[in-house]
Protein backbone atom coordinates (compact mmCIF):
# COMPACT_ATOMS: atom_id res chain seq x y z
CA MET A 1 5.38 58.54 -57.24
CA ALA A 2 5.96 54.82 -57.61
CA LYS A 3 3.02 52.49 -57.84
CA ARG A 4 2.43 50.64 -54.54
CA ILE A 5 2.14 46.94 -55.29
CA GLY A 6 1.07 44.51 -52.60
CA VAL A 7 1.09 40.73 -52.49
CA TYR A 8 -1.45 38.65 -50.57
CA PRO A 9 -0.12 35.07 -50.59
CA GLY A 10 -1.93 31.88 -49.68
CA THR A 11 -3.01 28.44 -50.74
CA PHE A 12 -6.70 29.43 -50.97
CA ASP A 13 -7.81 25.80 -50.82
CA PRO A 14 -10.61 26.83 -50.98
CA ILE A 15 -10.88 30.61 -50.90
CA THR A 16 -13.12 31.62 -48.00
CA LEU A 17 -15.16 34.65 -47.02
CA GLY A 18 -12.31 35.46 -44.61
CA HIS A 19 -9.84 35.56 -47.51
CA MET A 20 -12.22 37.77 -49.46
CA ASP A 21 -12.48 40.19 -46.54
CA ILE A 22 -8.68 40.56 -46.41
CA ILE A 23 -8.49 40.91 -50.21
CA LYS A 24 -11.10 43.69 -50.30
CA ARG A 25 -9.51 45.58 -47.42
CA GLY A 26 -5.95 44.97 -48.61
CA ALA A 27 -6.76 46.22 -52.10
CA ARG A 28 -7.63 49.62 -50.61
CA LEU A 29 -4.09 49.92 -49.18
CA VAL A 30 -2.19 49.53 -52.45
CA ASP A 31 -2.46 50.61 -56.06
CA GLU A 32 -2.36 47.00 -57.23
CA LEU A 33 -2.94 43.83 -55.23
CA ILE A 34 -1.46 40.59 -56.50
CA ILE A 35 -2.98 37.50 -55.00
CA GLY A 36 -0.24 34.90 -54.97
CA VAL A 37 -1.65 31.39 -55.10
CA THR A 38 0.89 28.85 -53.92
CA THR A 39 1.09 25.29 -52.70
CA ASN A 40 1.98 24.76 -49.08
CA ILE A 41 4.07 21.59 -48.94
CA ALA A 42 2.76 20.93 -45.42
CA LYS A 43 -0.83 20.70 -46.69
CA SER A 44 -2.50 18.30 -49.10
CA PRO A 45 -4.73 20.44 -51.30
CA MET A 46 -8.25 19.51 -52.35
CA PHE A 47 -7.81 21.51 -55.57
CA ASN A 48 -4.77 21.65 -57.84
CA ASP A 49 -2.91 24.90 -58.58
CA ASP A 50 -4.83 25.72 -61.77
CA GLU A 51 -8.19 25.05 -60.11
CA ARG A 52 -7.35 27.27 -57.14
CA ILE A 53 -6.11 30.07 -59.39
CA ALA A 54 -9.32 29.90 -61.45
CA MET A 55 -11.43 29.82 -58.27
CA VAL A 56 -9.70 32.92 -56.87
CA GLU A 57 -9.95 34.73 -60.23
CA ARG A 58 -13.68 34.00 -60.35
CA GLU A 59 -14.23 35.23 -56.79
CA VAL A 60 -12.23 38.48 -57.11
CA ALA A 61 -13.90 39.33 -60.43
CA THR A 62 -16.83 40.60 -58.34
CA ILE A 63 -14.67 43.23 -56.63
CA GLY A 64 -14.79 46.56 -58.42
CA ASP A 65 -12.83 49.79 -58.22
CA CYS A 66 -9.41 48.24 -57.62
CA SER A 67 -6.61 46.56 -59.49
CA ILE A 68 -6.28 42.90 -58.55
CA ARG A 69 -4.30 40.18 -60.32
CA VAL A 70 -4.09 36.50 -59.47
CA VAL A 71 -0.72 34.86 -60.04
CA GLY A 72 0.42 31.35 -59.18
CA PHE A 73 3.85 30.91 -57.65
CA ASN A 74 6.05 28.18 -56.28
CA SER A 75 9.02 29.94 -54.69
CA LEU A 76 10.02 31.81 -51.58
CA LEU A 77 7.53 34.59 -50.84
CA MET A 78 10.26 37.23 -50.86
CA ASP A 79 11.47 36.08 -54.28
CA PHE A 80 7.87 36.24 -55.54
CA ALA A 81 7.41 39.72 -54.05
CA ASP A 82 10.61 40.86 -55.81
CA ALA A 83 9.47 39.37 -59.12
CA MET A 84 6.17 41.26 -58.80
CA ASN A 85 7.93 44.52 -57.78
CA ALA A 86 5.90 44.46 -54.56
CA SER A 87 6.81 46.61 -51.59
CA VAL A 88 4.16 45.19 -49.27
CA VAL A 89 3.03 41.73 -48.21
CA ILE A 90 -0.47 41.59 -46.75
CA ARG A 91 -1.27 38.90 -44.21
CA GLY A 92 -4.54 38.17 -42.46
CA ILE A 93 -4.56 37.44 -38.73
CA ARG A 94 -7.41 35.56 -37.08
CA GLY A 95 -6.01 35.38 -33.56
CA VAL A 96 -3.00 34.97 -31.29
CA THR A 97 -1.88 31.68 -32.83
CA ASP A 98 -1.82 33.23 -36.31
CA PHE A 99 0.08 36.21 -34.95
CA GLU A 100 2.81 34.09 -33.37
CA TYR A 101 3.37 32.19 -36.62
CA GLU A 102 3.20 35.33 -38.78
CA TYR A 103 5.52 37.24 -36.43
CA GLN A 104 8.20 34.57 -36.83
CA LEU A 105 7.64 34.35 -40.60
CA THR A 106 7.89 38.12 -40.95
CA GLY A 107 11.19 38.13 -39.10
CA MET A 108 12.59 35.49 -41.43
CA ASN A 109 11.26 37.33 -44.49
CA ARG A 110 12.92 40.57 -43.31
CA GLN A 111 16.22 38.70 -43.19
CA LEU A 112 15.68 37.61 -46.80
CA ASN A 113 14.49 40.98 -48.10
CA ASP A 114 14.28 44.08 -45.91
CA HIS A 115 12.78 46.16 -48.74
CA VAL A 116 9.37 44.49 -48.41
CA GLU A 117 7.12 45.43 -45.50
CA THR A 118 4.53 43.10 -44.03
CA VAL A 119 1.14 44.52 -43.09
CA PHE A 120 -1.17 42.52 -40.82
CA LEU A 121 -4.91 42.90 -41.17
CA MET A 122 -7.11 41.53 -38.41
CA ALA A 123 -9.90 39.38 -39.74
CA ASP A 124 -13.39 40.73 -39.30
CA VAL A 125 -14.74 39.45 -35.97
CA SER A 126 -17.52 37.48 -37.68
CA LEU A 127 -14.98 35.76 -39.97
CA GLN A 128 -12.18 35.00 -37.48
CA PRO A 129 -12.99 31.31 -36.96
CA ILE A 130 -12.94 30.50 -40.69
CA ALA A 131 -10.04 28.39 -41.93
CA SER A 132 -9.88 26.54 -45.24
CA ARG A 133 -8.77 23.38 -43.44
CA LEU A 134 -11.87 23.45 -41.24
CA VAL A 135 -14.15 24.29 -44.17
CA LYS A 136 -12.93 21.17 -45.99
CA GLU A 137 -13.31 19.02 -42.87
CA ILE A 138 -16.87 20.22 -42.26
CA ALA A 139 -17.77 19.57 -45.91
CA VAL A 140 -16.20 16.09 -45.96
CA TYR A 141 -18.36 15.09 -42.99
CA GLY A 142 -21.52 16.45 -44.60
CA GLY A 143 -21.80 19.73 -42.71
CA SER A 144 -22.97 22.95 -44.28
CA ILE A 145 -20.23 25.39 -45.32
CA HIS A 146 -22.54 28.10 -46.69
CA LYS A 147 -21.57 30.53 -43.89
CA PHE A 148 -17.87 30.28 -44.74
CA VAL A 149 -17.59 30.40 -48.54
CA SER A 150 -19.44 31.87 -51.52
CA PRO A 151 -22.17 29.78 -53.19
CA ALA A 152 -19.86 29.05 -56.14
CA VAL A 153 -17.03 27.84 -53.90
CA ARG A 154 -19.50 25.73 -51.90
CA THR A 155 -20.54 24.05 -55.16
CA ASP A 156 -16.87 23.49 -56.08
CA VAL A 157 -16.10 21.86 -52.73
CA GLU A 158 -19.24 19.72 -52.65
CA SER A 159 -18.67 18.57 -56.24
CA ARG A 160 -15.07 17.62 -55.46
CA ILE A 161 -16.13 15.63 -52.41
CA ALA A 162 -18.91 13.88 -54.36
CA ALA A 163 -16.48 13.03 -57.17
CA HIS A 164 -13.95 11.69 -54.68
CA ARG A 165 -16.59 9.54 -52.99
CA GLY A 166 -17.76 8.28 -56.38
CA ALA A 167 -14.21 7.36 -57.39
CA GLY A 168 -13.62 5.64 -54.08
CA SER A 169 -16.69 3.42 -54.37
CA SER A 170 -15.75 1.90 -57.76
């Protein structure tokens, strides 16, 4: 039987507890889960590609009993899935707005490659409001993000904001 490889793509800027929930649950559905770290051209990332890849690698290192790899990519998702020999794309859904966007994206992806299935996982109810964009906004304005990210990621975000403020005041 062929190995089931899944891809969970995202910008992970920063990786949140919501992402980690989908990663842990998605990893149980496949033999190997590849976390594809990409840059969304519509977003301006707080962390560069290498920093986000390292952050995700550090966070998933705590997950045992499953095969997870972190790979950066800058291509169409379906081309990336092909390159990784993936048969499944895993997407997290927080609510209706996510579903509408993901539904359209899945339809387009099926037109590009109908050999890759998309599986939607609903976010845990307690994690549904978490979005990386909101985590960064809360942190920039001095709010606490400890409920949304791991302690290590919180330190990364707070250090980046402090460094940015320090560079801006010179």
